[in-house]
Amino acid sequence: MDRWVSIAMSVSSPPVDLFFHFTSRYAICFAMLYFCTSVMILDATLQGYWSVSYELPDGKLSGLRDAALVTHSWER
């Protein structure tokens, strides 16, 4: 999106190249590393809770009443 804004704002002059300076490359690399690290930390933190949400009931559902009971016990 920054590239589109740069192209739109430089109609009468040559477009600004965001990757020309080596500091821009370092900033982009740092942003990607920060994002990947935060995703891995979030995944490690929430991994214990994900197994609870995917547990299936032991018995078969024979009707609407059983489904309501399973839903009620799942929401607790």
N, C-alpha and C. Protein backbone atom coordinates (compact mmCIF):
# COMPACT_ATOMS: atom_id res chain seq x y z
N MET A 1 0.82 -1.19 0.00
CA MET A 1 0.00 0.00 0.00
C MET A 1 0.86 1.25 0.00
N ASP A 2 1.97 1.23 0.72
CA ASP A 2 2.87 2.38 0.70
C ASP A 2 3.41 2.63 -0.70
N ARG A 3 3.62 1.56 -1.41
CA ARG A 3 4.12 1.70 -2.79
C ARG A 3 3.06 2.37 -3.67
N TRP A 4 1.80 2.02 -3.50
CA TRP A 4 0.72 2.63 -4.29
C TRP A 4 0.61 4.12 -3.98
N VAL A 5 0.72 4.48 -2.71
CA VAL A 5 0.66 5.90 -2.33
C VAL A 5 1.84 6.63 -2.93
N SER A 6 3.01 6.02 -2.90
CA SER A 6 4.20 6.64 -3.49
C SER A 6 4.03 6.87 -4.98
N ILE A 7 3.45 5.91 -5.68
CA ILE A 7 3.23 6.06 -7.12
C ILE A 7 2.20 7.14 -7.39
N ALA A 8 1.13 7.16 -6.60
CA ALA A 8 0.07 8.15 -6.81
C ALA A 8 0.54 9.57 -6.50
N MET A 9 1.38 9.72 -5.49
CA MET A 9 1.83 11.06 -5.10
C MET A 9 2.95 11.58 -5.99
N SER A 10 3.58 10.73 -6.77
CA SER A 10 4.69 11.17 -7.61
C SER A 10 4.31 11.14 -9.09
N VAL A 11 3.16 11.72 -9.41
CA VAL A 11 2.68 11.71 -10.80
C VAL A 11 3.58 12.54 -11.70
N SER A 12 3.99 13.70 -11.23
CA SER A 12 4.78 14.59 -12.08
C SER A 12 6.28 14.39 -11.90
N SER A 13 6.70 13.60 -10.94
CA SER A 13 8.12 13.34 -10.73
C SER A 13 8.35 11.84 -10.72
N PRO A 14 9.60 11.42 -10.82
CA PRO A 14 9.87 9.97 -10.80
C PRO A 14 9.46 9.35 -9.47
N PRO A 15 8.98 8.11 -9.48
CA PRO A 15 8.53 7.48 -8.23
C PRO A 15 9.68 7.29 -7.24
N VAL A 16 9.34 7.34 -5.99
CA VAL A 16 10.32 7.16 -4.92
C VAL A 16 10.56 5.66 -4.73
N ASP A 17 11.81 5.26 -4.77
CA ASP A 17 12.15 3.86 -4.57
C ASP A 17 12.40 3.62 -3.09
N LEU A 18 11.54 2.85 -2.44
CA LEU A 18 11.65 2.62 -1.01
C LEU A 18 12.79 1.67 -0.66
N PHE A 19 13.27 0.90 -1.61
CA PHE A 19 14.29 -0.10 -1.33
C PHE A 19 15.68 0.37 -1.76
N PHE A 20 15.85 1.65 -2.05
CA PHE A 20 17.13 2.17 -2.51
C PHE A 20 18.14 2.23 -1.37
N HIS A 21 17.72 2.71 -0.22
CA HIS A 21 18.62 2.83 0.92
C HIS A 21 18.69 1.51 1.69
N PHE A 22 19.88 1.20 2.16
CA PHE A 22 20.04 -0.07 2.89
C PHE A 22 19.31 -0.04 4.23
N THR A 23 19.06 1.15 4.79
CA THR A 23 18.34 1.22 6.06
C THR A 23 16.89 0.78 5.89
N SER A 24 16.31 1.03 4.72
CA SER A 24 14.94 0.58 4.47
C SER A 24 14.88 -0.94 4.45
N ARG A 25 15.89 -1.55 3.89
CA ARG A 25 15.92 -3.02 3.85
C ARG A 25 16.02 -3.59 5.26
N TYR A 26 16.83 -2.96 6.11
CA TYR A 26 16.94 -3.42 7.49
C TYR A 26 15.62 -3.23 8.24
N ALA A 27 14.94 -2.13 7.98
CA ALA A 27 13.66 -1.88 8.64
C ALA A 27 12.62 -2.91 8.23
N ILE A 28 12.58 -3.24 6.96
CA ILE A 28 11.63 -4.25 6.47
C ILE A 28 11.97 -5.62 7.05
N CYS A 29 13.24 -5.95 7.11
CA CYS A 29 13.67 -7.23 7.69
C CYS A 29 13.31 -7.28 9.17
N PHE A 30 13.54 -6.19 9.89
CA PHE A 30 13.20 -6.15 11.32
C PHE A 30 11.70 -6.30 11.51
N ALA A 31 10.90 -5.67 10.66
CA ALA A 31 9.44 -5.77 10.78
C ALA A 31 8.98 -7.22 10.55
N MET A 32 9.55 -7.89 9.57
CA MET A 32 9.17 -9.27 9.31
C MET A 32 9.61 -10.19 10.45
N LEU A 33 10.81 -9.97 10.98
CA LEU A 33 11.26 -10.78 12.11
C LEU A 33 10.41 -10.54 13.35
N TYR A 34 10.02 -9.30 13.58
CA TYR A 34 9.17 -8.97 14.72
C TYR A 34 7.81 -9.65 14.59
N PHE A 35 7.24 -9.62 13.38
CA PHE A 35 5.95 -10.27 13.15
C PHE A 35 6.05 -11.78 13.36
N CYS A 36 7.06 -12.40 12.78
CA CYS A 36 7.21 -13.86 12.91
C CYS A 36 7.44 -14.27 14.36
N THR A 37 8.25 -13.50 15.08
CA THR A 37 8.50 -13.80 16.48
C THR A 37 7.23 -13.66 17.32
N SER A 38 6.47 -12.62 17.07
CA SER A 38 5.24 -12.44 17.84
C SER A 38 4.22 -13.53 17.54
N VAL A 39 4.16 -13.99 16.30
CA VAL A 39 3.25 -15.09 15.96
C VAL A 39 3.68 -16.38 16.65
N MET A 40 4.97 -16.64 16.70
CA MET A 40 5.44 -17.86 17.36
C MET A 40 5.21 -17.80 18.87
N ILE A 41 5.39 -16.63 19.48
CA ILE A 41 5.13 -16.49 20.91
C ILE A 41 3.64 -16.66 21.20
N LEU A 42 2.80 -16.07 20.37
CA LEU A 42 1.36 -16.22 20.55
C LEU A 42 0.94 -17.68 20.39
N ASP A 43 1.50 -18.37 19.41
CA ASP A 43 1.18 -19.78 19.20
C ASP A 43 1.61 -20.62 20.40
N ALA A 44 2.80 -20.36 20.93
CA ALA A 44 3.27 -21.12 22.08
C ALA A 44 2.43 -20.84 23.32
N THR A 45 1.95 -19.61 23.44
CA THR A 45 1.12 -19.25 24.59
C THR A 45 -0.26 -19.90 24.52
N LEU A 46 -0.87 -19.90 23.35
CA LEU A 46 -2.24 -20.38 23.21
C LEU A 46 -2.34 -21.87 22.88
N GLN A 47 -1.22 -22.55 22.71
CA GLN A 47 -1.25 -23.95 22.31
C GLN A 47 -1.96 -24.83 23.33
N GLY A 48 -1.83 -24.54 24.59
CA GLY A 48 -2.50 -25.33 25.62
C GLY A 48 -4.01 -25.17 25.60
N TYR A 49 -4.50 -24.04 25.15
CA TYR A 49 -5.94 -23.80 25.13
C TYR A 49 -6.61 -24.36 23.88
N TRP A 50 -5.86 -24.57 22.82
CA TRP A 50 -6.47 -25.04 21.57
C TRP A 50 -6.98 -26.47 21.68
N SER A 51 -6.31 -27.31 22.43
CA SER A 51 -6.75 -28.70 22.54
C SER A 51 -8.12 -28.80 23.23
N VAL A 52 -8.40 -27.88 24.14
CA VAL A 52 -9.69 -27.89 24.84
C VAL A 52 -10.82 -27.57 23.87
N SER A 53 -10.60 -26.67 22.97
CA SER A 53 -11.68 -26.27 22.06
C SER A 53 -11.96 -27.31 20.98
N TYR A 54 -11.03 -28.25 20.77
CA TYR A 54 -11.25 -29.26 19.72
C TYR A 54 -11.63 -30.63 20.27
N GLU A 55 -11.92 -30.73 21.56
CA GLU A 55 -12.32 -32.02 22.11
C GLU A 55 -13.73 -32.37 21.64
N LEU A 56 -13.91 -33.63 21.28
CA LEU A 56 -15.20 -34.12 20.83
C LEU A 56 -15.88 -34.88 21.96
N PRO A 57 -17.21 -34.89 21.99
CA PRO A 57 -17.90 -35.65 23.04
C PRO A 57 -17.69 -37.15 22.86
N ASP A 58 -17.76 -37.88 23.97
CA ASP A 58 -17.53 -39.33 23.93
C ASP A 58 -18.70 -40.08 23.31
N GLY A 59 -19.91 -39.70 23.66
CA GLY A 59 -21.09 -40.42 23.18
C GLY A 59 -21.65 -39.83 21.90
N LYS A 60 -22.60 -40.55 21.32
CA LYS A 60 -23.26 -40.06 20.11
C LYS A 60 -24.40 -39.13 20.49
N LEU A 61 -24.66 -38.18 19.63
CA LEU A 61 -25.78 -37.27 19.86
C LEU A 61 -27.04 -37.91 19.28
N SER A 62 -28.01 -38.15 20.14
CA SER A 62 -29.23 -38.82 19.67
C SER A 62 -30.37 -37.83 19.42
N GLY A 63 -30.19 -36.59 19.85
CA GLY A 63 -31.27 -35.64 19.65
C GLY A 63 -30.83 -34.23 19.99
N LEU A 64 -31.79 -33.35 19.94
CA LEU A 64 -31.53 -31.95 20.20
C LEU A 64 -31.15 -31.71 21.66
N ARG A 65 -31.72 -32.50 22.56
CA ARG A 65 -31.41 -32.34 23.99
C ARG A 65 -29.94 -32.66 24.26
N ASP A 66 -29.41 -33.73 23.65
CA ASP A 66 -28.00 -34.07 23.82
C ASP A 66 -27.09 -32.98 23.24
N ALA A 67 -27.47 -32.43 22.12
CA ALA A 67 -26.69 -31.36 21.51
C ALA A 67 -26.67 -30.12 22.40
N ALA A 68 -27.81 -29.83 23.03
CA ALA A 68 -27.87 -28.68 23.94
C ALA A 68 -27.01 -28.91 25.16
N LEU A 69 -26.97 -30.14 25.68
CA LEU A 69 -26.13 -30.46 26.83
C LEU A 69 -24.65 -30.32 26.50
N VAL A 70 -24.27 -30.81 25.33
CA VAL A 70 -22.87 -30.70 24.92
C VAL A 70 -22.49 -29.24 24.72
N THR A 71 -23.37 -28.46 24.12
CA THR A 71 -23.11 -27.04 23.92
C THR A 71 -22.99 -26.32 25.26
N HIS A 72 -23.86 -26.65 26.19
CA HIS A 72 -23.81 -26.02 27.51
C HIS A 72 -22.53 -26.38 28.25
N SER A 73 -22.12 -27.64 28.18
CA SER A 73 -20.89 -28.05 28.88
C SER A 73 -19.65 -27.48 28.19
N TRP A 74 -19.71 -27.27 26.89
CA TRP A 74 -18.58 -26.70 26.15
C TRP A 74 -18.38 -25.23 26.46
N GLU A 75 -19.48 -24.52 26.71
CA GLU A 75 -19.39 -23.08 26.99
C GLU A 75 -18.87 -22.79 28.39
N ARG A 76 -18.86 -23.78 29.27
CA ARG A 76 -18.34 -23.55 30.62
C ARG A 76 -16.89 -23.50 30.60
